[in-house]
Amino acid sequence: SPQNDSVVAGGGAIEMELSRFLRDYSRTIPGKQQLLIGAYAKALEIIPRQLCDNAGFDATNILNKLRAKHAQVGPRGGA
């Protein structure tokens, strides 16, 4: 059956954005702290991955698309 890939409010978006931010931040610091922050960023992606799996989607494909979208938008600016 065809799958619907429409946008779902929530759906791990916050976790993906936090993961992106932490990955970017980890690249600015040296040593073991970089690895620890990178691991935490990766762990945050477990939530959207599980949501994809539960919905019957290809989690790897969807997460790659989500990462690309979050990278496209870039850092959030405050007003």
PDB file of N, CA and C in Angstrom:
ATOM      1  N   SER A   1       0.838  -1.193   0.000  1.00  0.00           N
ATOM      2  CA  SER A   1       0.000   0.000   0.000  1.00  0.00           C
ATOM      3  C   SER A   1       0.877   1.248   0.000  1.00  0.00           C
ATOM      4  N   PRO A   2       0.463   2.313  -0.680  1.00  0.00           N
ATOM      5  CA  PRO A   2       1.269   3.544  -0.729  1.00  0.00           C
ATOM      6  C   PRO A   2       1.321   4.195   0.642  1.00  0.00           C
ATOM      7  N   GLN A   3       2.465   4.780   0.932  1.00  0.00           N
ATOM      8  CA  GLN A   3       2.652   5.440   2.224  1.00  0.00           C
ATOM      9  C   GLN A   3       2.539   6.940   2.062  1.00  0.00           C
ATOM     10  N   ASN A   4       1.996   7.580   3.080  1.00  0.00           N
ATOM     11  CA  ASN A   4       1.836   9.029   3.077  1.00  0.00           C
ATOM     12  C   ASN A   4       3.044   9.646   3.761  1.00  0.00           C
ATOM     13  N   ASP A   5       3.790  10.529   3.064  1.00  0.00           N
ATOM     14  CA  ASP A   5       4.979  11.139   3.659  1.00  0.00           C
ATOM     15  C   ASP A   5       4.750  12.617   3.978  1.00  0.00           C
ATOM     16  N   SER A   6       3.506  12.944   4.333  1.00  0.00           N
ATOM     17  CA  SER A   6       3.200  14.329   4.671  1.00  0.00           C
ATOM     18  C   SER A   6       3.850  14.700   6.002  1.00  0.00           C
ATOM     19  N   VAL A   7       3.913  15.982   6.254  1.00  0.00           N
ATOM     20  CA  VAL A   7       4.532  16.497   7.469  1.00  0.00           C
ATOM     21  C   VAL A   7       3.645  16.207   8.668  1.00  0.00           C
ATOM     22  N   VAL A   8       4.269  15.746   9.740  1.00  0.00           N
ATOM     23  CA  VAL A   8       3.553  15.475  10.976  1.00  0.00           C
ATOM     24  C   VAL A   8       4.101  16.419  12.042  1.00  0.00           C
ATOM     25  N   ALA A   9       3.199  17.161  12.677  1.00  0.00           N
ATOM     26  CA  ALA A   9       3.639  18.060  13.742  1.00  0.00           C
ATOM     27  C   ALA A   9       4.298  17.245  14.838  1.00  0.00           C
ATOM     28  N   GLY A  10       5.403  17.711  15.344  1.00  0.00           N
ATOM     29  CA  GLY A  10       6.172  16.917  16.306  1.00  0.00           C
ATOM     30  C   GLY A  10       7.012  15.938  15.521  1.00  0.00           C
ATOM     31  N   GLY A  11       6.697  14.679  15.606  1.00  0.00           N
ATOM     32  CA  GLY A  11       7.342  13.658  14.776  1.00  0.00           C
ATOM     33  C   GLY A  11       8.860  13.609  14.898  1.00  0.00           C
ATOM     34  N   GLY A  12       9.425  14.073  16.022  1.00  0.00           N
ATOM     35  CA  GLY A  12      10.871  14.036  16.201  1.00  0.00           C
ATOM     36  C   GLY A  12      11.599  15.262  15.681  1.00  0.00           C
ATOM     37  N   ALA A  13      10.870  16.304  15.281  1.00  0.00           N
ATOM     38  CA  ALA A  13      11.502  17.504  14.724  1.00  0.00           C
ATOM     39  C   ALA A  13      12.411  18.198  15.739  1.00  0.00           C
ATOM     40  N   ILE A  14      11.969  18.277  16.968  1.00  0.00           N
ATOM     41  CA  ILE A  14      12.782  18.935  17.996  1.00  0.00           C
ATOM     42  C   ILE A  14      14.064  18.151  18.222  1.00  0.00           C
ATOM     43  N   GLU A  15      13.948  16.831  18.296  1.00  0.00           N
ATOM     44  CA  GLU A  15      15.127  16.000  18.510  1.00  0.00           C
ATOM     45  C   GLU A  15      16.107  16.112  17.344  1.00  0.00           C
ATOM     46  N   MET A  16      15.589  16.182  16.116  1.00  0.00           N
ATOM     47  CA  MET A  16      16.461  16.337  14.946  1.00  0.00           C
ATOM     48  C   MET A  16      17.170  17.690  14.972  1.00  0.00           C
ATOM     49  N   GLU A  17      16.468  18.728  15.373  1.00  0.00           N
ATOM     50  CA  GLU A  17      17.082  20.056  15.427  1.00  0.00           C
ATOM     51  C   GLU A  17      18.140  20.119  16.536  1.00  0.00           C
ATOM     52  N   LEU A  18      17.841  19.536  17.688  1.00  0.00           N
ATOM     53  CA  LEU A  18      18.836  19.485  18.766  1.00  0.00           C
ATOM     54  C   LEU A  18      20.055  18.676  18.331  1.00  0.00           C
ATOM     55  N   SER A  19      19.822  17.581  17.640  1.00  0.00           N
ATOM     56  CA  SER A  19      20.912  16.765  17.143  1.00  0.00           C
ATOM     57  C   SER A  19      21.788  17.563  16.185  1.00  0.00           C
ATOM     58  N   ARG A  20      21.175  18.301  15.272  1.00  0.00           N
ATOM     59  CA  ARG A  20      21.929  19.128  14.322  1.00  0.00           C
ATOM     60  C   ARG A  20      22.765  20.157  15.061  1.00  0.00           C
ATOM     61  N   PHE A  21      22.147  20.844  16.012  1.00  0.00           N
ATOM     62  CA  PHE A  21      22.847  21.876  16.777  1.00  0.00           C
ATOM     63  C   PHE A  21      24.048  21.286  17.518  1.00  0.00           C
ATOM     64  N   LEU A  22      23.841  20.151  18.175  1.00  0.00           N
ATOM     65  CA  LEU A  22      24.922  19.536  18.933  1.00  0.00           C
ATOM     66  C   LEU A  22      26.041  19.024  18.027  1.00  0.00           C
ATOM     67  N   ARG A  23      25.683  18.473  16.864  1.00  0.00           N
ATOM     68  CA  ARG A  23      26.719  18.027  15.922  1.00  0.00           C
ATOM     69  C   ARG A  23      27.562  19.213  15.461  1.00  0.00           C
ATOM     70  N   ASP A  24      26.889  20.314  15.118  1.00  0.00           N
ATOM     71  CA  ASP A  24      27.612  21.519  14.690  1.00  0.00           C
ATOM     72  C   ASP A  24      28.505  22.032  15.815  1.00  0.00           C
ATOM     73  N   TYR A  25      27.970  22.067  17.022  1.00  0.00           N
ATOM     74  CA  TYR A  25      28.735  22.543  18.171  1.00  0.00           C
ATOM     75  C   TYR A  25      29.931  21.634  18.460  1.00  0.00           C
ATOM     76  N   SER A  26      29.731  20.322  18.339  1.00  0.00           N
ATOM     77  CA  SER A  26      30.810  19.385  18.654  1.00  0.00           C
ATOM     78  C   SER A  26      32.018  19.591  17.740  1.00  0.00           C
ATOM     79  N   ARG A  27      31.784  20.102  16.546  1.00  0.00           N
ATOM     80  CA  ARG A  27      32.891  20.328  15.597  1.00  0.00           C
ATOM     81  C   ARG A  27      33.755  21.519  16.013  1.00  0.00           C
ATOM     82  N   THR A  28      33.300  22.301  16.968  1.00  0.00           N
ATOM     83  CA  THR A  28      34.045  23.490  17.375  1.00  0.00           C
ATOM     84  C   THR A  28      34.908  23.249  18.613  1.00  0.00           C
ATOM     85  N   ILE A  29      34.826  22.060  19.207  1.00  0.00           N
ATOM     86  CA  ILE A  29      35.585  21.787  20.428  1.00  0.00           C
ATOM     87  C   ILE A  29      36.483  20.564  20.240  1.00  0.00           C
ATOM     88  N   PRO A  30      37.617  20.541  20.948  1.00  0.00           N
ATOM     89  CA  PRO A  30      38.587  19.452  20.768  1.00  0.00           C
ATOM     90  C   PRO A  30      38.350  18.292  21.726  1.00  0.00           C
ATOM     91  N   GLY A  31      39.046  17.204  21.470  1.00  0.00           N
ATOM     92  CA  GLY A  31      39.160  16.098  22.403  1.00  0.00           C
ATOM     93  C   GLY A  31      37.933  15.236  22.594  1.00  0.00           C
ATOM     94  N   LYS A  32      37.937  14.581  23.768  1.00  0.00           N
ATOM     95  CA  LYS A  32      36.884  13.623  24.091  1.00  0.00           C
ATOM     96  C   LYS A  32      35.515  14.279  24.184  1.00  0.00           C
ATOM     97  N   GLN A  33      35.486  15.544  24.581  1.00  0.00           N
ATOM     98  CA  GLN A  33      34.197  16.235  24.690  1.00  0.00           C
ATOM     99  C   GLN A  33      33.482  16.258  23.342  1.00  0.00           C
ATOM    100  N   GLN A  34      34.250  16.389  22.257  1.00  0.00           N
ATOM    101  CA  GLN A  34      33.658  16.373  20.916  1.00  0.00           C
ATOM    102  C   GLN A  34      32.952  15.041  20.668  1.00  0.00           C
ATOM    103  N   LEU A  35      33.595  13.946  21.064  1.00  0.00           N
ATOM    104  CA  LEU A  35      33.009  12.620  20.868  1.00  0.00           C
ATOM    105  C   LEU A  35      31.761  12.429  21.724  1.00  0.00           C
ATOM    106  N   LEU A  36      31.818  12.903  22.961  1.00  0.00           N
ATOM    107  CA  LEU A  36      30.669  12.755  23.857  1.00  0.00           C
ATOM    108  C   LEU A  36      29.459  13.530  23.342  1.00  0.00           C
ATOM    109  N   ILE A  37      29.682  14.749  22.909  1.00  0.00           N
ATOM    110  CA  ILE A  37      28.570  15.567  22.403  1.00  0.00           C
ATOM    111  C   ILE A  37      28.035  14.968  21.104  1.00  0.00           C
ATOM    112  N   GLY A  38      28.917  14.465  20.253  1.00  0.00           N
ATOM    113  CA  GLY A  38      28.492  13.802  19.022  1.00  0.00           C
ATOM    114  C   GLY A  38      27.652  12.562  19.304  1.00  0.00           C
ATOM    115  N   ALA A  39      28.035  11.812  20.330  1.00  0.00           N
ATOM    116  CA  ALA A  39      27.274  10.612  20.701  1.00  0.00           C
ATOM    117  C   ALA A  39      25.891  10.988  21.220  1.00  0.00           C
ATOM    118  N   TYR A  40      25.817  12.062  21.981  1.00  0.00           N
ATOM    119  CA  TYR A  40      24.523  12.530  22.493  1.00  0.00           C
ATOM    120  C   TYR A  40      23.636  12.975  21.333  1.00  0.00           C
ATOM    121  N   ALA A  41      24.244  13.669  20.362  1.00  0.00           N
ATOM    122  CA  ALA A  41      23.497  14.107  19.172  1.00  0.00           C
ATOM    123  C   ALA A  41      22.930  12.909  18.430  1.00  0.00           C
ATOM    124  N   LYS A  42      23.737  11.868  18.292  1.00  0.00           N
ATOM    125  CA  LYS A  42      23.285  10.650  17.598  1.00  0.00           C
ATOM    126  C   LYS A  42      22.155   9.975  18.382  1.00  0.00           C
ATOM    127  N   ALA A  43      22.276   9.967  19.705  1.00  0.00           N
ATOM    128  CA  ALA A  43      21.254   9.335  20.542  1.00  0.00           C
ATOM    129  C   ALA A  43      19.903  10.023  20.396  1.00  0.00           C
ATOM    130  N   LEU A  44      19.896  11.334  20.207  1.00  0.00           N
ATOM    131  CA  LEU A  44      18.637  12.059  20.040  1.00  0.00           C
ATOM    132  C   LEU A  44      17.870  11.603  18.801  1.00  0.00           C
ATOM    133  N   GLU A  45      18.596  11.098  17.810  1.00  0.00           N
ATOM    134  CA  GLU A  45      17.947  10.652  16.573  1.00  0.00           C
ATOM    135  C   GLU A  45      17.234   9.307  16.732  1.00  0.00           C
ATOM    136  N   ILE A  46      17.391   8.665  17.879  1.00  0.00           N
ATOM    137  CA  ILE A  46      16.693   7.402  18.122  1.00  0.00           C
ATOM    138  C   ILE A  46      15.183   7.627  18.128  1.00  0.00           C
ATOM    139  N   ILE A  47      14.753   8.771  18.634  1.00  0.00           N
ATOM    140  CA  ILE A  47      13.313   9.043  18.745  1.00  0.00           C
ATOM    141  C   ILE A  47      12.656   9.136  17.362  1.00  0.00           C
ATOM    142  N   PRO A  48      13.131   9.996  16.452  1.00  0.00           N
ATOM    143  CA  PRO A  48      12.506  10.008  15.121  1.00  0.00           C
ATOM    144  C   PRO A  48      12.705   8.698  14.358  1.00  0.00           C
ATOM    145  N   ARG A  49      13.834   8.019  14.604  1.00  0.00           N
ATOM    146  CA  ARG A  49      14.060   6.716  13.945  1.00  0.00           C
ATOM    147  C   ARG A  49      12.993   5.715  14.377  1.00  0.00           C
ATOM    148  N   GLN A  50      12.697   5.681  15.663  1.00  0.00           N
ATOM    149  CA  GLN A  50      11.694   4.742  16.167  1.00  0.00           C
ATOM    150  C   GLN A  50      10.307   5.100  15.633  1.00  0.00           C
ATOM    151  N   LEU A  51      10.011   6.380  15.543  1.00  0.00           N
ATOM    152  CA  LEU A  51       8.724   6.810  14.977  1.00  0.00           C
ATOM    153  C   LEU A  51       8.588   6.340  13.531  1.00  0.00           C
ATOM    154  N   CYS A  52       9.684   6.459  12.759  1.00  0.00           N
ATOM    155  CA  CYS A  52       9.666   5.975  11.365  1.00  0.00           C
ATOM    156  C   CYS A  52       9.436   4.471  11.317  1.00  0.00           C
ATOM    157  N   ASP A  53      10.169   3.742  12.147  1.00  0.00           N
ATOM    158  CA  ASP A  53      10.024   2.283  12.172  1.00  0.00           C
ATOM    159  C   ASP A  53       8.597   1.883  12.529  1.00  0.00           C
ATOM    160  N   ASN A  54       8.047   2.547  13.537  1.00  0.00           N
ATOM    161  CA  ASN A  54       6.690   2.221  13.982  1.00  0.00           C
ATOM    162  C   ASN A  54       5.649   2.496  12.898  1.00  0.00           C
ATOM    163  N   ALA A  55       5.915   3.496  12.071  1.00  0.00           N
ATOM    164  CA  ALA A  55       4.976   3.855  11.006  1.00  0.00           C
ATOM    165  C   ALA A  55       5.204   3.036   9.734  1.00  0.00           C
ATOM    166  N   GLY A  56       6.244   2.206   9.722  1.00  0.00           N
ATOM    167  CA  GLY A  56       6.509   1.358   8.564  1.00  0.00           C
ATOM    168  C   GLY A  56       7.311   2.031   7.470  1.00  0.00           C
ATOM    169  N   PHE A  57       7.977   3.137   7.791  1.00  0.00           N
ATOM    170  CA  PHE A  57       8.803   3.835   6.803  1.00  0.00           C
ATOM    171  C   PHE A  57      10.236   3.335   6.842  1.00  0.00           C
ATOM    172  N   ASP A  58      10.984   3.644   5.797  1.00  0.00           N
ATOM    173  CA  ASP A  58      12.418   3.363   5.761  1.00  0.00           C
ATOM    174  C   ASP A  58      13.098   4.454   6.585  1.00  0.00           C
ATOM    175  N   ALA A  59      13.480   4.122   7.818  1.00  0.00           N
ATOM    176  CA  ALA A  59      13.994   5.119   8.762  1.00  0.00           C
ATOM    177  C   ALA A  59      15.272   5.789   8.252  1.00  0.00           C
ATOM    178  N   THR A  60      16.164   5.043   7.637  1.00  0.00           N
ATOM    179  CA  THR A  60      17.420   5.627   7.160  1.00  0.00           C
ATOM    180  C   THR A  60      17.152   6.684   6.105  1.00  0.00           C
ATOM    181  N   ASN A  61      16.290   6.380   5.173  1.00  0.00           N
ATOM    182  CA  ASN A  61      15.949   7.318   4.104  1.00  0.00           C
ATOM    183  C   ASN A  61      15.282   8.576   4.674  1.00  0.00           C
ATOM    184  N   ILE A  62      14.330   8.398   5.554  1.00  0.00           N
ATOM    185  CA  ILE A  62      13.609   9.540   6.134  1.00  0.00           C
ATOM    186  C   ILE A  62      14.553  10.400   6.966  1.00  0.00           C
ATOM    187  N   LEU A  63      15.405   9.792   7.782  1.00  0.00           N
ATOM    188  CA  LEU A  63      16.324  10.570   8.609  1.00  0.00           C
ATOM    189  C   LEU A  63      17.323  11.340   7.759  1.00  0.00           C
ATOM    190  N   ASN A  64      17.773  10.759   6.667  1.00  0.00           N
ATOM    191  CA  ASN A  64      18.658  11.493   5.763  1.00  0.00           C
ATOM    192  C   ASN A  64      17.960  12.722   5.196  1.00  0.00           C
ATOM    193  N   LYS A  65      16.695  12.567   4.826  1.00  0.00           N
ATOM    194  CA  LYS A  65      15.922  13.703   4.315  1.00  0.00           C
ATOM    195  C   LYS A  65      15.726  14.757   5.406  1.00  0.00           C
ATOM    196  N   LEU A  66      15.424  14.299   6.629  1.00  0.00           N
ATOM    197  CA  LEU A  66      15.237  15.235   7.738  1.00  0.00           C
ATOM    198  C   LEU A  66      16.519  15.999   8.038  1.00  0.00           C
ATOM    199  N   ARG A  67      17.664  15.300   8.057  1.00  0.00           N
ATOM    200  CA  ARG A  67      18.945  15.974   8.293  1.00  0.00           C
ATOM    201  C   ARG A  67      19.193  17.031   7.231  1.00  0.00           C
ATOM    202  N   ALA A  68      18.908  16.696   5.985  1.00  0.00           N
ATOM    203  CA  ALA A  68      19.112  17.645   4.892  1.00  0.00           C
ATOM    204  C   ALA A  68      18.224  18.875   5.057  1.00  0.00           C
ATOM    205  N   LYS A  69      16.965  18.655   5.430  1.00  0.00           N
ATOM    206  CA  LYS A  69      16.046  19.789   5.634  1.00  0.00           C
ATOM    207  C   LYS A  69      16.503  20.680   6.780  1.00  0.00           C
ATOM    208  N   HIS A  70      16.924  20.067   7.870  1.00  0.00           N
ATOM    209  CA  HIS A  70      17.379  20.853   9.020  1.00  0.00           C
ATOM    210  C   HIS A  70      18.662  21.601   8.690  1.00  0.00           C
ATOM    211  N   ALA A  71      19.539  21.018   7.889  1.00  0.00           N
ATOM    212  CA  ALA A  71      20.774  21.695   7.487  1.00  0.00           C
ATOM    213  C   ALA A  71      20.464  22.851   6.545  1.00  0.00           C
ATOM    214  N   GLN A  72      19.440  22.691   5.708  1.00  0.00           N
ATOM    215  CA  GLN A  72      19.030  23.717   4.751  1.00  0.00           C
ATOM    216  C   GLN A  72      18.542  24.971   5.448  1.00  0.00           C
ATOM    217  N   VAL A  73      17.764  24.777   6.496  1.00  0.00           N
ATOM    218  CA  VAL A  73      17.188  25.903   7.234  1.00  0.00           C
ATOM    219  C   VAL A  73      18.272  26.630   8.000  1.00  0.00           C
ATOM    220  N   GLY A  74      19.226  25.894   8.556  1.00  0.00           N
ATOM    221  CA  GLY A  74      20.342  26.501   9.272  1.00  0.00           C
ATOM    222  C   GLY A  74      19.967  26.923  10.674  1.00  0.00           C
ATOM    223  N   PRO A  75      20.914  27.606  11.346  1.00  0.00           N
ATOM    224  CA  PRO A  75      20.685  28.007  12.735  1.00  0.00           C
ATOM    225  C   PRO A  75      19.513  28.955  12.875  1.00  0.00           C
ATOM    226  N   ARG A  76      18.841  28.827  14.001  1.00  0.00           N
ATOM    227  CA  ARG A  76      17.700  29.682  14.282  1.00  0.00           C
ATOM    228  C   ARG A  76      18.174  31.010  14.865  1.00  0.00           C
ATOM    229  N   GLY A  77      17.567  32.082  14.417  1.00  0.00           N
ATOM    230  CA  GLY A  77      17.905  33.399  14.960  1.00  0.00           C
ATOM    231  C   GLY A  77      16.842  33.880  15.904  1.00  0.00           C
ATOM    232  N   GLY A  78      17.246  34.535  16.956  1.00  0.00           N
ATOM    233  CA  GLY A  78      16.289  35.089  17.912  1.00  0.00           C
ATOM    234  C   GLY A  78      15.981  36.531  17.583  1.00  0.00           C
ATOM    235  N   ALA A  79      14.798  36.991  17.940  1.00  0.00           N
ATOM    236  CA  ALA A  79      14.425  38.370  17.644  1.00  0.00           C
ATOM    237  C   ALA A  79      14.491  39.217  18.896  1.00  0.00           C
TER     238      ALA A  79
END
